[in-house]
Amino acid sequence: MFDGYIIVYKFIQDLHFFVTGGDEENELILASVLQGFSDAVGVLLRNNVDKRTALENLDLIFLCLDEVVDGGIVLETDGNVIAEKVSGHGLEGAGSFTEQTISQALATAREHFARSLLK
């Protein structure tokens, strides 16, 4: 409890994940939301969960958050289901998931190149 809020947290390497709720919320539900979210992030980042990788894939992390909670209502707590919804392809199609990562890398390189031209 902190100022009337229940806070559940988890540290993974150099990242800190927090889930907060009002004092009337169930701690176990908040903990399952946190566990599902962190599991999904781990799946999407291929268990390479660190600050740099998280920043490079921040769009996927925000999509995970969007799949977990909508307007304060918990939608999903299973990490694998969340990761499948975010990837849009399912985990069976590892080739398409790899291609998605390559396209993200190309988009990031394009952004860096554009920034270097503008300097």
PDB file of N, CA and C in Angstrom:
ATOM      1  N   MET A   1       0.841  -1.185   0.000  1.00  0.00           N
ATOM      2  CA  MET A   1       0.000   0.000   0.000  1.00  0.00           C
ATOM      3  C   MET A   1       0.883   1.245   0.000  1.00  0.00           C
ATOM      4  N   PHE A   2       0.488   2.211  -0.810  1.00  0.00           N
ATOM      5  CA  PHE A   2       1.189   3.488  -0.852  1.00  0.00           C
ATOM      6  C   PHE A   2       0.172   4.566  -1.165  1.00  0.00           C
ATOM      7  N   ASP A   3      -0.079   5.450  -0.234  1.00  0.00           N
ATOM      8  CA  ASP A   3      -1.059   6.534  -0.380  1.00  0.00           C
ATOM      9  C   ASP A   3      -2.425   6.034  -0.841  1.00  0.00           C
ATOM     10  N   GLY A   4      -2.871   4.925  -0.294  1.00  0.00           N
ATOM     11  CA  GLY A   4      -4.190   4.405  -0.633  1.00  0.00           C
ATOM     12  C   GLY A   4      -4.237   3.602  -1.920  1.00  0.00           C
ATOM     13  N   TYR A   5      -3.105   3.301  -2.516  1.00  0.00           N
ATOM     14  CA  TYR A   5      -3.040   2.483  -3.731  1.00  0.00           C
ATOM     15  C   TYR A   5      -2.278   1.203  -3.440  1.00  0.00           C
ATOM     16  N   ILE A   6      -2.722   0.128  -4.071  1.00  0.00           N
ATOM     17  CA  ILE A   6      -1.996  -1.130  -3.996  1.00  0.00           C
ATOM     18  C   ILE A   6      -1.049  -1.162  -5.185  1.00  0.00           C
ATOM     19  N   ILE A   7       0.218  -1.410  -4.918  1.00  0.00           N
ATOM     20  CA  ILE A   7       1.224  -1.436  -5.973  1.00  0.00           C
ATOM     21  C   ILE A   7       1.908  -2.794  -5.954  1.00  0.00           C
ATOM     22  N   VAL A   8       1.895  -3.440  -7.123  1.00  0.00           N
ATOM     23  CA  VAL A   8       2.585  -4.705  -7.297  1.00  0.00           C
ATOM     24  C   VAL A   8       3.712  -4.445  -8.290  1.00  0.00           C
ATOM     25  N   TYR A   9       4.886  -4.975  -8.023  1.00  0.00           N
ATOM     26  CA  TYR A   9       6.017  -4.673  -8.900  1.00  0.00           C
ATOM     27  C   TYR A   9       6.837  -5.917  -9.176  1.00  0.00           C
ATOM     28  N   LYS A  10       7.619  -5.827 -10.249  1.00  0.00           N
ATOM     29  CA  LYS A  10       8.511  -6.914 -10.630  1.00  0.00           C
ATOM     30  C   LYS A  10       9.733  -6.301 -11.296  1.00  0.00           C
ATOM     31  N   PHE A  11      10.907  -6.791 -10.925  1.00  0.00           N
ATOM     32  CA  PHE A  11      12.149  -6.333 -11.532  1.00  0.00           C
ATOM     33  C   PHE A  11      12.676  -7.438 -12.437  1.00  0.00           C
ATOM     34  N   ILE A  12      12.963  -7.088 -13.681  1.00  0.00           N
ATOM     35  CA  ILE A  12      13.599  -8.009 -14.616  1.00  0.00           C
ATOM     36  C   ILE A  12      14.843  -7.299 -15.141  1.00  0.00           C
ATOM     37  N   GLN A  13      15.987  -7.804 -14.786  1.00  0.00           N
ATOM     38  CA  GLN A  13      17.289  -7.208 -15.100  1.00  0.00           C
ATOM     39  C   GLN A  13      17.289  -5.729 -14.722  1.00  0.00           C
ATOM     40  N   ASP A  14      17.295  -4.823 -15.707  1.00  0.00           N
ATOM     41  CA  ASP A  14      17.335  -3.401 -15.387  1.00  0.00           C
ATOM     42  C   ASP A  14      16.007  -2.694 -15.656  1.00  0.00           C
ATOM     43  N   LEU A  15      14.928  -3.468 -15.763  1.00  0.00           N
ATOM     44  CA  LEU A  15      13.585  -2.898 -15.967  1.00  0.00           C
ATOM     45  C   LEU A  15      12.734  -3.108 -14.725  1.00  0.00           C
ATOM     46  N   HIS A  16      11.844  -2.160 -14.487  1.00  0.00           N
ATOM     47  CA  HIS A  16      10.929  -2.226 -13.352  1.00  0.00           C
ATOM     48  C   HIS A  16       9.506  -2.148 -13.905  1.00  0.00           C
ATOM     49  N   PHE A  17       8.694  -3.146 -13.608  1.00  0.00           N
ATOM     50  CA  PHE A  17       7.293  -3.159 -14.026  1.00  0.00           C
ATOM     51  C   PHE A  17       6.423  -2.952 -12.791  1.00  0.00           C
ATOM     52  N   PHE A  18       5.448  -2.051 -12.908  1.00  0.00           N
ATOM     53  CA  PHE A  18       4.552  -1.746 -11.798  1.00  0.00           C
ATOM     54  C   PHE A  18       3.104  -1.842 -12.280  1.00  0.00           C
ATOM     55  N   VAL A  19       2.238  -2.377 -11.432  1.00  0.00           N
ATOM     56  CA  VAL A  19       0.792  -2.353 -11.657  1.00  0.00           C
ATOM     57  C   VAL A  19       0.180  -1.752 -10.402  1.00  0.00           C
ATOM     58  N   THR A  20      -0.660  -0.737 -10.582  1.00  0.00           N
ATOM     59  CA  THR A  20      -1.288  -0.083  -9.442  1.00  0.00           C
ATOM     60  C   THR A  20      -2.797  -0.250  -9.517  1.00  0.00           C
ATOM     61  N   GLY A  21      -3.423  -0.229  -8.360  1.00  0.00           N
ATOM     62  CA  GLY A  21      -4.871  -0.300  -8.263  1.00  0.00           C
ATOM     63  C   GLY A  21      -5.322   0.382  -6.987  1.00  0.00           C
ATOM     64  N   GLY A  22      -6.584   0.676  -6.931  1.00  0.00           N
ATOM     65  CA  GLY A  22      -7.133   1.291  -5.733  1.00  0.00           C
ATOM     66  C   GLY A  22      -7.085   0.341  -4.557  1.00  0.00           C
ATOM     67  N   ASP A  23      -7.332   0.891  -3.374  1.00  0.00           N
ATOM     68  CA  ASP A  23      -7.254   0.059  -2.174  1.00  0.00           C
ATOM     69  C   ASP A  23      -8.338  -1.001  -2.106  1.00  0.00           C
ATOM     70  N   GLU A  24      -9.356  -0.909  -2.952  1.00  0.00           N
ATOM     71  CA  GLU A  24     -10.418  -1.912  -2.967  1.00  0.00           C
ATOM     72  C   GLU A  24     -10.140  -3.042  -3.964  1.00  0.00           C
ATOM     73  N   GLU A  25      -9.041  -2.944  -4.711  1.00  0.00           N
ATOM     74  CA  GLU A  25      -8.710  -3.958  -5.718  1.00  0.00           C
ATOM     75  C   GLU A  25      -8.111  -5.202  -5.073  1.00  0.00           C
ATOM     76  N   ASN A  26      -8.217  -6.308  -5.777  1.00  0.00           N
ATOM     77  CA  ASN A  26      -7.688  -7.578  -5.315  1.00  0.00           C
ATOM     78  C   ASN A  26      -6.207  -7.668  -5.699  1.00  0.00           C
ATOM     79  N   GLU A  27      -5.349  -7.911  -4.725  1.00  0.00           N
ATOM     80  CA  GLU A  27      -3.906  -7.984  -4.976  1.00  0.00           C
ATOM     81  C   GLU A  27      -3.551  -9.141  -5.898  1.00  0.00           C
ATOM     82  N   LEU A  28      -4.275 -10.236  -5.792  1.00  0.00           N
ATOM     83  CA  LEU A  28      -3.972 -11.396  -6.625  1.00  0.00           C
ATOM     84  C   LEU A  28      -4.275 -11.127  -8.098  1.00  0.00           C
ATOM     85  N   ILE A  29      -5.329 -10.382  -8.361  1.00  0.00           N
ATOM     86  CA  ILE A  29      -5.649 -10.011  -9.745  1.00  0.00           C
ATOM     87  C   ILE A  29      -4.573  -9.086 -10.295  1.00  0.00           C
ATOM     88  N   LEU A  30      -4.160  -8.119  -9.494  1.00  0.00           N
ATOM     89  CA  LEU A  30      -3.098  -7.215  -9.924  1.00  0.00           C
ATOM     90  C   LEU A  30      -1.803  -7.978 -10.183  1.00  0.00           C
ATOM     91  N   ALA A  31      -1.501  -8.947  -9.337  1.00  0.00           N
ATOM     92  CA  ALA A  31      -0.296  -9.758  -9.526  1.00  0.00           C
ATOM     93  C   ALA A  31      -0.395 -10.612 -10.786  1.00  0.00           C
ATOM     94  N   SER A  32      -1.577 -11.142 -11.086  1.00  0.00           N
ATOM     95  CA  SER A  32      -1.718 -11.946 -12.311  1.00  0.00           C
ATOM     96  C   SER A  32      -1.633 -11.068 -13.560  1.00  0.00           C
ATOM     97  N   VAL A  33      -2.114  -9.834 -13.482  1.00  0.00           N
ATOM     98  CA  VAL A  33      -1.962  -8.893 -14.593  1.00  0.00           C
ATOM     99  C   VAL A  33      -0.479  -8.613 -14.834  1.00  0.00           C
ATOM    100  N   LEU A  34       0.253  -8.359 -13.762  1.00  0.00           N
ATOM    101  CA  LEU A  34       1.680  -8.089 -13.874  1.00  0.00           C
ATOM    102  C   LEU A  34       2.427  -9.295 -14.430  1.00  0.00           C
ATOM    103  N   GLN A  35       2.102 -10.476 -13.953  1.00  0.00           N
ATOM    104  CA  GLN A  35       2.774 -11.685 -14.425  1.00  0.00           C
ATOM    105  C   GLN A  35       2.483 -11.934 -15.904  1.00  0.00           C
ATOM    106  N   GLY A  36       1.230 -11.782 -16.316  1.00  0.00           N
ATOM    107  CA  GLY A  36       0.877 -11.969 -17.720  1.00  0.00           C
ATOM    108  C   GLY A  36       1.566 -10.969 -18.626  1.00  0.00           C
ATOM    109  N   PHE A  37       1.606  -9.716 -18.191  1.00  0.00           N
ATOM    110  CA  PHE A  37       2.258  -8.676 -18.971  1.00  0.00           C
ATOM    111  C   PHE A  37       3.752  -8.945 -19.110  1.00  0.00           C
ATOM    112  N   SER A  38       4.406  -9.269 -18.000  1.00  0.00           N
ATOM    113  CA  SER A  38       5.853  -9.508 -18.054  1.00  0.00           C
ATOM    114  C   SER A  38       6.171 -10.774 -18.847  1.00  0.00           C
ATOM    115  N   ASP A  39       5.313 -11.798 -18.763  1.00  0.00           N
ATOM    116  CA  ASP A  39       5.515 -12.998 -19.581  1.00  0.00           C
ATOM    117  C   ASP A  39       5.388 -12.679 -21.069  1.00  0.00           C
ATOM    118  N   ALA A  40       4.397 -11.873 -21.436  1.00  0.00           N
ATOM    119  CA  ALA A  40       4.200 -11.503 -22.840  1.00  0.00           C
ATOM    120  C   ALA A  40       5.377 -10.691 -23.359  1.00  0.00           C
ATOM    121  N   VAL A  41       5.869  -9.766 -22.554  1.00  0.00           N
ATOM    122  CA  VAL A  41       7.033  -8.977 -22.955  1.00  0.00           C
ATOM    123  C   VAL A  41       8.236  -9.891 -23.135  1.00  0.00           C
ATOM    124  N   GLY A  42       8.397 -10.852 -22.247  1.00  0.00           N
ATOM    125  CA  GLY A  42       9.496 -11.809 -22.376  1.00  0.00           C
ATOM    126  C   GLY A  42       9.411 -12.633 -23.645  1.00  0.00           C
ATOM    127  N   VAL A  43       8.207 -13.059 -24.001  1.00  0.00           N
ATOM    128  CA  VAL A  43       8.019 -13.837 -25.234  1.00  0.00           C
ATOM    129  C   VAL A  43       8.324 -12.976 -26.455  1.00  0.00           C
ATOM    130  N   LEU A  44       7.788 -11.759 -26.471  1.00  0.00           N
ATOM    131  CA  LEU A  44       7.980 -10.897 -27.640  1.00  0.00           C
ATOM    132  C   LEU A  44       9.427 -10.446 -27.802  1.00  0.00           C
ATOM    133  N   LEU A  45      10.119 -10.253 -26.706  1.00  0.00           N
ATOM    134  CA  LEU A  45      11.515  -9.834 -26.769  1.00  0.00           C
ATOM    135  C   LEU A  45      12.472 -11.018 -26.724  1.00  0.00           C
ATOM    136  N   ARG A  46      11.922 -12.208 -26.838  1.00  0.00           N
ATOM    137  CA  ARG A  46      12.689 -13.459 -26.876  1.00  0.00           C
ATOM    138  C   ARG A  46      13.606 -13.613 -25.664  1.00  0.00           C
ATOM    139  N   ASN A  47      13.025 -13.368 -24.502  1.00  0.00           N
ATOM    140  CA  ASN A  47      13.702 -13.487 -23.206  1.00  0.00           C
ATOM    141  C   ASN A  47      14.952 -12.625 -23.098  1.00  0.00           C
ATOM    142  N   ASN A  48      15.057 -11.622 -23.950  1.00  0.00           N
ATOM    143  CA  ASN A  48      16.142 -10.658 -23.865  1.00  0.00           C
ATOM    144  C   ASN A  48      15.567  -9.351 -23.328  1.00  0.00           C
ATOM    145  N   VAL A  49      15.053  -9.411 -22.108  1.00  0.00           N
ATOM    146  CA  VAL A  49      14.356  -8.274 -21.515  1.00  0.00           C
ATOM    147  C   VAL A  49      15.372  -7.400 -20.789  1.00  0.00           C
ATOM    148  N   ASP A  50      15.807  -6.344 -21.465  1.00  0.00           N
ATOM    149  CA  ASP A  50      16.653  -5.339 -20.852  1.00  0.00           C
ATOM    150  C   ASP A  50      16.229  -3.973 -21.372  1.00  0.00           C
ATOM    151  N   LYS A  51      16.823  -2.945 -20.814  1.00  0.00           N
ATOM    152  CA  LYS A  51      16.389  -1.585 -21.110  1.00  0.00           C
ATOM    153  C   LYS A  51      16.527  -1.245 -22.598  1.00  0.00           C
ATOM    154  N   ARG A  52      17.636  -1.607 -23.193  1.00  0.00           N
ATOM    155  CA  ARG A  52      17.873  -1.269 -24.599  1.00  0.00           C
ATOM    156  C   ARG A  52      16.877  -1.975 -25.522  1.00  0.00           C
ATOM    157  N   THR A  53      16.693  -3.255 -25.321  1.00  0.00           N
ATOM    158  CA  THR A  53      15.751  -4.018 -26.146  1.00  0.00           C
ATOM    159  C   THR A  53      14.332  -3.513 -25.951  1.00  0.00           C
ATOM    160  N   ALA A  54      13.996  -3.168 -24.713  1.00  0.00           N
ATOM    161  CA  ALA A  54      12.656  -2.644 -24.434  1.00  0.00           C
ATOM    162  C   ALA A  54      12.424  -1.318 -25.153  1.00  0.00           C
ATOM    163  N   LEU A  55      13.422  -0.449 -25.155  1.00  0.00           N
ATOM    164  CA  LEU A  55      13.277   0.833 -25.855  1.00  0.00           C
ATOM    165  C   LEU A  55      13.168   0.641 -27.364  1.00  0.00           C
ATOM    166  N   GLU A  56      13.913  -0.315 -27.904  1.00  0.00           N
ATOM    167  CA  GLU A  56      13.852  -0.579 -29.336  1.00  0.00           C
ATOM    168  C   GLU A  56      12.509  -1.173 -29.755  1.00  0.00           C
ATOM    169  N   ASN A  57      11.836  -1.850 -28.830  1.00  0.00           N
ATOM    170  CA  ASN A  57      10.558  -2.496 -29.126  1.00  0.00           C
ATOM    171  C   ASN A  57       9.432  -1.923 -28.277  1.00  0.00           C
ATOM    172  N   LEU A  58       9.504  -0.641 -27.995  1.00  0.00           N
ATOM    173  CA  LEU A  58       8.515  -0.007 -27.134  1.00  0.00           C
ATOM    174  C   LEU A  58       7.109  -0.100 -27.719  1.00  0.00           C
ATOM    175  N   ASP A  59       6.993  -0.097 -29.040  1.00  0.00           N
ATOM    176  CA  ASP A  59       5.675  -0.228 -29.663  1.00  0.00           C
ATOM    177  C   ASP A  59       5.032  -1.564 -29.314  1.00  0.00           C
ATOM    178  N   LEU A  60       5.806  -2.641 -29.290  1.00  0.00           N
ATOM    179  CA  LEU A  60       5.258  -3.948 -28.915  1.00  0.00           C
ATOM    180  C   LEU A  60       4.853  -3.975 -27.448  1.00  0.00           C
ATOM    181  N   ILE A  61       5.619  -3.314 -26.613  1.00  0.00           N
ATOM    182  CA  ILE A  61       5.294  -3.284 -25.189  1.00  0.00           C
ATOM    183  C   ILE A  61       4.000  -2.513 -24.957  1.00  0.00           C
ATOM    184  N   PHE A  62       3.827  -1.397 -25.673  1.00  0.00           N
ATOM    185  CA  PHE A  62       2.573  -0.648 -25.549  1.00  0.00           C
ATOM    186  C   PHE A  62       1.387  -1.454 -26.069  1.00  0.00           C
ATOM    187  N   LEU A  63       1.595  -2.220 -27.137  1.00  0.00           N
ATOM    188  CA  LEU A  63       0.519  -3.085 -27.631  1.00  0.00           C
ATOM    189  C   LEU A  63       0.172  -4.170 -26.620  1.00  0.00           C
ATOM    190  N   CYS A  64       1.184  -4.695 -25.929  1.00  0.00           N
ATOM    191  CA  CYS A  64       0.924  -5.670 -24.852  1.00  0.00           C
ATOM    192  C   CYS A  64       0.058  -5.048 -23.775  1.00  0.00           C
ATOM    193  N   LEU A  65       0.415  -3.857 -23.379  1.00  0.00           N
ATOM    194  CA  LEU A  65      -0.354  -3.156 -22.354  1.00  0.00           C
ATOM    195  C   LEU A  65      -1.788  -2.931 -22.809  1.00  0.00           C
ATOM    196  N   ASP A  66      -1.945  -2.610 -24.081  1.00  0.00           N
ATOM    197  CA  ASP A  66      -3.278  -2.390 -24.630  1.00  0.00           C
ATOM    198  C   ASP A  66      -4.093  -3.678 -24.653  1.00  0.00           C
ATOM    199  N   GLU A  67      -3.448  -4.807 -24.866  1.00  0.00           N
ATOM    200  CA  GLU A  67      -4.152  -6.094 -24.873  1.00  0.00           C
ATOM    201  C   GLU A  67      -4.506  -6.566 -23.466  1.00  0.00           C
ATOM    202  N   VAL A  68      -3.750  -6.119 -22.464  1.00  0.00           N
ATOM    203  CA  VAL A  68      -3.989  -6.558 -21.093  1.00  0.00           C
ATOM    204  C   VAL A  68      -5.130  -5.786 -20.455  1.00  0.00           C
ATOM    205  N   VAL A  69      -5.106  -4.462 -20.573  1.00  0.00           N
ATOM    206  CA  VAL A  69      -6.068  -3.610 -19.866  1.00  0.00           C
ATOM    207  C   VAL A  69      -6.670  -2.613 -20.837  1.00  0.00           C
ATOM    208  N   ASP A  70      -7.981  -2.392 -20.705  1.00  0.00           N
ATOM    209  CA  ASP A  70      -8.658  -1.376 -21.504  1.00  0.00           C
ATOM    210  C   ASP A  70      -9.588  -0.596 -20.593  1.00  0.00           C
ATOM    211  N   GLY A  71      -9.271   0.652 -20.362  1.00  0.00           N
ATOM    212  CA  GLY A  71     -10.101   1.495 -19.515  1.00  0.00           C
ATOM    213  C   GLY A  71     -10.199   0.999 -18.084  1.00  0.00           C
ATOM    214  N   GLY A  72      -9.133   0.370 -17.588  1.00  0.00           N
ATOM    215  CA  GLY A  72      -9.142  -0.142 -16.223  1.00  0.00           C
ATOM    216  C   GLY A  72      -9.745  -1.524 -16.086  1.00  0.00           C
ATOM    217  N   ILE A  73     -10.214  -2.099 -17.177  1.00  0.00           N
ATOM    218  CA  ILE A  73     -10.805  -3.435 -17.151  1.00  0.00           C
ATOM    219  C   ILE A  73      -9.775  -4.429 -17.670  1.00  0.00           C
ATOM    220  N   VAL A  74      -9.534  -5.472 -16.903  1.00  0.00           N
ATOM    221  CA  VAL A  74      -8.563  -6.496 -17.288  1.00  0.00           C
ATOM    222  C   VAL A  74      -9.175  -7.362 -18.381  1.00  0.00           C
ATOM    223  N   LEU A  75      -8.475  -7.454 -19.520  1.00  0.00           N
ATOM    224  CA  LEU A  75      -8.962  -8.242 -20.641  1.00  0.00           C
ATOM    225  C   LEU A  75      -8.304  -9.615 -20.729  1.00  0.00           C
ATOM    226  N   GLU A  76      -7.017  -9.682 -20.424  1.00  0.00           N
ATOM    227  CA  GLU A  76      -6.275 -10.937 -20.592  1.00  0.00           C
ATOM    228  C   GLU A  76      -5.105 -10.966 -19.617  1.00  0.00           C
ATOM    229  N   THR A  77      -4.815 -12.157 -19.077  1.00  0.00           N
ATOM    230  CA  THR A  77      -3.684 -12.292 -18.168  1.00  0.00           C
ATOM    231  C   THR A  77      -2.732 -13.411 -18.581  1.00  0.00           C
ATOM    232  N   ASP A  78      -3.018 -14.117 -19.657  1.00  0.00           N
ATOM    233  CA  ASP A  78      -2.141 -15.186 -20.131  1.00  0.00           C
ATOM    234  C   ASP A  78      -1.092 -14.591 -21.071  1.00  0.00           C
ATOM    235  N   GLY A  79       0.165 -14.694 -20.686  1.00  0.00           N
ATOM    236  CA  GLY A  79       1.248 -14.084 -21.442  1.00  0.00           C
ATOM    237  C   GLY A  79       1.351 -14.569 -22.874  1.00  0.00           C
ATOM    238  N   ASN A  80       1.144 -15.868 -23.108  1.00  0.00           N
ATOM    239  CA  ASN A  80       1.242 -16.406 -24.465  1.00  0.00           C
ATOM    240  C   ASN A  80       0.127 -15.888 -25.360  1.00  0.00           C
ATOM    241  N   VAL A  81      -1.079 -15.781 -24.828  1.00  0.00           N
ATOM    242  CA  VAL A  81      -2.209 -15.255 -25.604  1.00  0.00           C
ATOM    243  C   VAL A  81      -1.973 -13.787 -25.946  1.00  0.00           C
ATOM    244  N   ILE A  82      -1.474 -13.034 -24.993  1.00  0.00           N
ATOM    245  CA  ILE A  82      -1.188 -11.617 -25.223  1.00  0.00           C
ATOM    246  C   ILE A  82      -0.130 -11.478 -26.322  1.00  0.00           C
ATOM    247  N   ALA A  83       0.940 -12.269 -26.235  1.00  0.00           N
ATOM    248  CA  ALA A  83       2.012 -12.204 -27.231  1.00  0.00           C
ATOM    249  C   ALA A  83       1.493 -12.588 -28.613  1.00  0.00           C
ATOM    250  N   GLU A  84       0.606 -13.588 -28.696  1.00  0.00           N
ATOM    251  CA  GLU A  84       0.036 -13.982 -29.987  1.00  0.00           C
ATOM    252  C   GLU A  84      -0.799 -12.857 -30.586  1.00  0.00           C
ATOM    253  N   LYS A  85      -1.588 -12.203 -29.750  1.00  0.00           N
ATOM    254  CA  LYS A  85      -2.412 -11.098 -30.254  1.00  0.00           C
ATOM    255  C   LYS A  85      -1.547  -9.943 -30.734  1.00  0.00           C
ATOM    256  N   VAL A  86      -0.476  -9.656 -30.012  1.00  0.00           N
ATOM    257  CA  VAL A  86       0.389  -8.545 -30.393  1.00  0.00           C
ATOM    258  C   VAL A  86       1.159  -8.866 -31.668  1.00  0.00           C
ATOM    259  N   SER A  87       1.674 -10.073 -31.758  1.00  0.00           N
ATOM    260  CA  SER A  87       2.454 -10.427 -32.948  1.00  0.00           C
ATOM    261  C   SER A  87       1.557 -10.513 -34.168  1.00  0.00           C
ATOM    262  N   GLY A  88       0.280 -10.828 -33.968  1.00  0.00           N
ATOM    263  CA  GLY A  88      -0.665 -10.868 -35.078  1.00  0.00           C
ATOM    264  C   GLY A  88      -0.544 -12.105 -35.945  1.00  0.00           C
ATOM    265  N   HIS A  89       0.401 -12.960 -35.661  1.00  0.00           N
ATOM    266  CA  HIS A  89       0.619 -14.135 -36.495  1.00  0.00           C
ATOM    267  C   HIS A  89       0.500 -15.436 -35.716  1.00  0.00           C
ATOM    268  N   GLY A  90       0.535 -15.365 -34.428  1.00  0.00           N
ATOM    269  CA  GLY A  90       0.585 -16.578 -33.623  1.00  0.00           C
ATOM    270  C   GLY A  90       2.028 -17.024 -33.493  1.00  0.00           C
ATOM    271  N   LEU A  91       2.294 -17.825 -32.494  1.00  0.00           N
ATOM    272  CA  LEU A  91       3.666 -18.265 -32.261  1.00  0.00           C
ATOM    273  C   LEU A  91       4.057 -19.440 -33.137  1.00  0.00           C
ATOM    274  N   GLU A  92       3.104 -20.067 -33.838  1.00  0.00           N
ATOM    275  CA  GLU A  92       3.452 -21.186 -34.701  1.00  0.00           C
ATOM    276  C   GLU A  92       4.228 -20.719 -35.914  1.00  0.00           C
ATOM    277  N   GLY A  93       3.916 -19.539 -36.442  1.00  0.00           N
ATOM    278  CA  GLY A  93       4.582 -19.022 -37.627  1.00  0.00           C
ATOM    279  C   GLY A  93       5.840 -18.269 -37.259  1.00  0.00           C
ATOM    280  N   ALA A  94       6.861 -18.992 -36.836  1.00  0.00           N
ATOM    281  CA  ALA A  94       8.085 -18.330 -36.388  1.00  0.00           C
ATOM    282  C   ALA A  94       8.755 -17.569 -37.522  1.00  0.00           C
ATOM    283  N   GLY A  95       8.606 -18.052 -38.755  1.00  0.00           N
ATOM    284  CA  GLY A  95       9.206 -17.349 -39.886  1.00  0.00           C
ATOM    285  C   GLY A  95       8.589 -15.978 -40.070  1.00  0.00           C
ATOM    286  N   SER A  96       7.287 -15.865 -39.998  1.00  0.00           N
ATOM    287  CA  SER A  96       6.647 -14.565 -40.163  1.00  0.00           C
ATOM    288  C   SER A  96       6.960 -13.649 -38.984  1.00  0.00           C
ATOM    289  N   PHE A  97       7.113 -14.225 -37.790  1.00  0.00           N
ATOM    290  CA  PHE A  97       7.473 -13.425 -36.621  1.00  0.00           C
ATOM    291  C   PHE A  97       8.887 -12.868 -36.793  1.00  0.00           C
ATOM    292  N   THR A  98       9.784 -13.666 -37.372  1.00  0.00           N
ATOM    293  CA  THR A  98      11.142 -13.202 -37.638  1.00  0.00           C
ATOM    294  C   THR A  98      11.136 -12.110 -38.687  1.00  0.00           C
ATOM    295  N   GLU A  99      10.332 -12.268 -39.724  1.00  0.00           N
ATOM    296  CA  GLU A  99      10.233 -11.242 -40.754  1.00  0.00           C
ATOM    297  C   GLU A  99       9.707  -9.938 -40.173  1.00  0.00           C
ATOM    298  N   GLN A 100       8.777 -10.031 -39.238  1.00  0.00           N
ATOM    299  CA  GLN A 100       8.256  -8.837 -38.596  1.00  0.00           C
ATOM    300  C   GLN A 100       9.381  -8.115 -37.857  1.00  0.00           C
ATOM    301  N   THR A 101      10.235  -8.858 -37.190  1.00  0.00           N
ATOM    302  CA  THR A 101      11.342  -8.256 -36.469  1.00  0.00           C
ATOM    303  C   THR A 101      12.326  -7.606 -37.430  1.00  0.00           C
ATOM    304  N   ILE A 102      12.579  -8.225 -38.564  1.00  0.00           N
ATOM    305  CA  ILE A 102      13.482  -7.650 -39.564  1.00  0.00           C
ATOM    306  C   ILE A 102      12.890  -6.360 -40.120  1.00  0.00           C
ATOM    307  N   SER A 103      11.590  -6.357 -40.382  1.00  0.00           N
ATOM    308  CA  SER A 103      10.973  -5.131 -40.893  1.00  0.00           C
ATOM    309  C   SER A 103      11.035  -4.018 -39.854  1.00  0.00           C
ATOM    310  N   GLN A 104      10.918  -4.375 -38.579  1.00  0.00           N
ATOM    311  CA  GLN A 104      11.061  -3.365 -37.524  1.00  0.00           C
ATOM    312  C   GLN A 104      12.480  -2.825 -37.496  1.00  0.00           C
ATOM    313  N   ALA A 105      13.456  -3.690 -37.695  1.00  0.00           N
ATOM    314  CA  ALA A 105      14.852  -3.242 -37.712  1.00  0.00           C
ATOM    315  C   ALA A 105      15.093  -2.297 -38.887  1.00  0.00           C
ATOM    316  N   LEU A 106      14.518  -2.606 -40.037  1.00  0.00           N
ATOM    317  CA  LEU A 106      14.663  -1.727 -41.200  1.00  0.00           C
ATOM    318  C   LEU A 106      13.993  -0.376 -40.950  1.00  0.00           C
ATOM    319  N   ALA A 107      12.841  -0.384 -40.305  1.00  0.00           N
ATOM    320  CA  ALA A 107      12.153   0.871 -40.000  1.00  0.00           C
ATOM    321  C   ALA A 107      12.982   1.714 -39.029  1.00  0.00           C
ATOM    322  N   THR A 108      13.586   1.070 -38.039  1.00  0.00           N
ATOM    323  CA  THR A 108      14.428   1.794 -37.097  1.00  0.00           C
ATOM    324  C   THR A 108      15.653   2.374 -37.799  1.00  0.00           C
ATOM    325  N   ALA A 109      16.260   1.598 -38.678  1.00  0.00           N
ATOM    326  CA  ALA A 109      17.418   2.088 -39.426  1.00  0.00           C
ATOM    327  C   ALA A 109      17.029   3.275 -40.309  1.00  0.00           C
ATOM    328  N   ARG A 110      15.864   3.206 -40.919  1.00  0.00           N
ATOM    329  CA  ARG A 110      15.366   4.302 -41.754  1.00  0.00           C
ATOM    330  C   ARG A 110      15.193   5.579 -40.927  1.00  0.00           C
ATOM    331  N   GLU A 111      14.644   5.440 -39.702  1.00  0.00           N
ATOM    332  CA  GLU A 111      14.465   6.596 -38.824  1.00  0.00           C
ATOM    333  C   GLU A 111      15.807   7.204 -38.418  1.00  0.00           C
ATOM    334  N   HIS A 112      16.781   6.354 -38.084  1.00  0.00           N
ATOM    335  CA  HIS A 112      18.102   6.850 -37.701  1.00  0.00           C
ATOM    336  C   HIS A 112      18.772   7.564 -38.880  1.00  0.00           C
ATOM    337  N   PHE A 113      18.623   7.006 -40.070  1.00  0.00           N
ATOM    338  CA  PHE A 113      19.207   7.621 -41.255  1.00  0.00           C
ATOM    339  C   PHE A 113      18.567   8.985 -41.520  1.00  0.00           C
ATOM    340  N   ALA A 114      17.245   9.071 -41.375  1.00  0.00           N
ATOM    341  CA  ALA A 114      16.555  10.337 -41.589  1.00  0.00           C
ATOM    342  C   ALA A 114      17.004  11.368 -40.561  1.00  0.00           C
ATOM    343  N   ARG A 115      17.171  10.970 -39.303  1.00  0.00           N
ATOM    344  CA  ARG A 115      17.638  11.895 -38.273  1.00  0.00           C
ATOM    345  C   ARG A 115      19.055  12.382 -38.563  1.00  0.00           C
ATOM    346  N   SER A 116      19.901  11.493 -39.066  1.00  0.00           N
ATOM    347  CA  SER A 116      21.292  11.883 -39.341  1.00  0.00           C
ATOM    348  C   SER A 116      21.327  12.874 -40.513  1.00  0.00           C
ATOM    349  N   LEU A 117      20.413  12.758 -41.461  1.00  0.00           N
ATOM    350  CA  LEU A 117      20.354  13.694 -42.573  1.00  0.00           C
ATOM    351  C   LEU A 117      19.867  15.069 -42.132  1.00  0.00           C
ATOM    352  N   LEU A 118      19.001  15.095 -41.127  1.00  0.00           N
ATOM    353  CA  LEU A 118      18.439  16.358 -40.657  1.00  0.00           C
ATOM    354  C   LEU A 118      19.402  17.140 -39.761  1.00  0.00           C
ATOM    355  N   LYS A 119      20.453  16.514 -39.284  1.00  0.00           N
ATOM    356  CA  LYS A 119      21.408  17.201 -38.393  1.00  0.00           C
ATOM    357  C   LYS A 119      22.321  18.120 -39.134  1.00  0.00           C
TER     358      LYS A 119
END
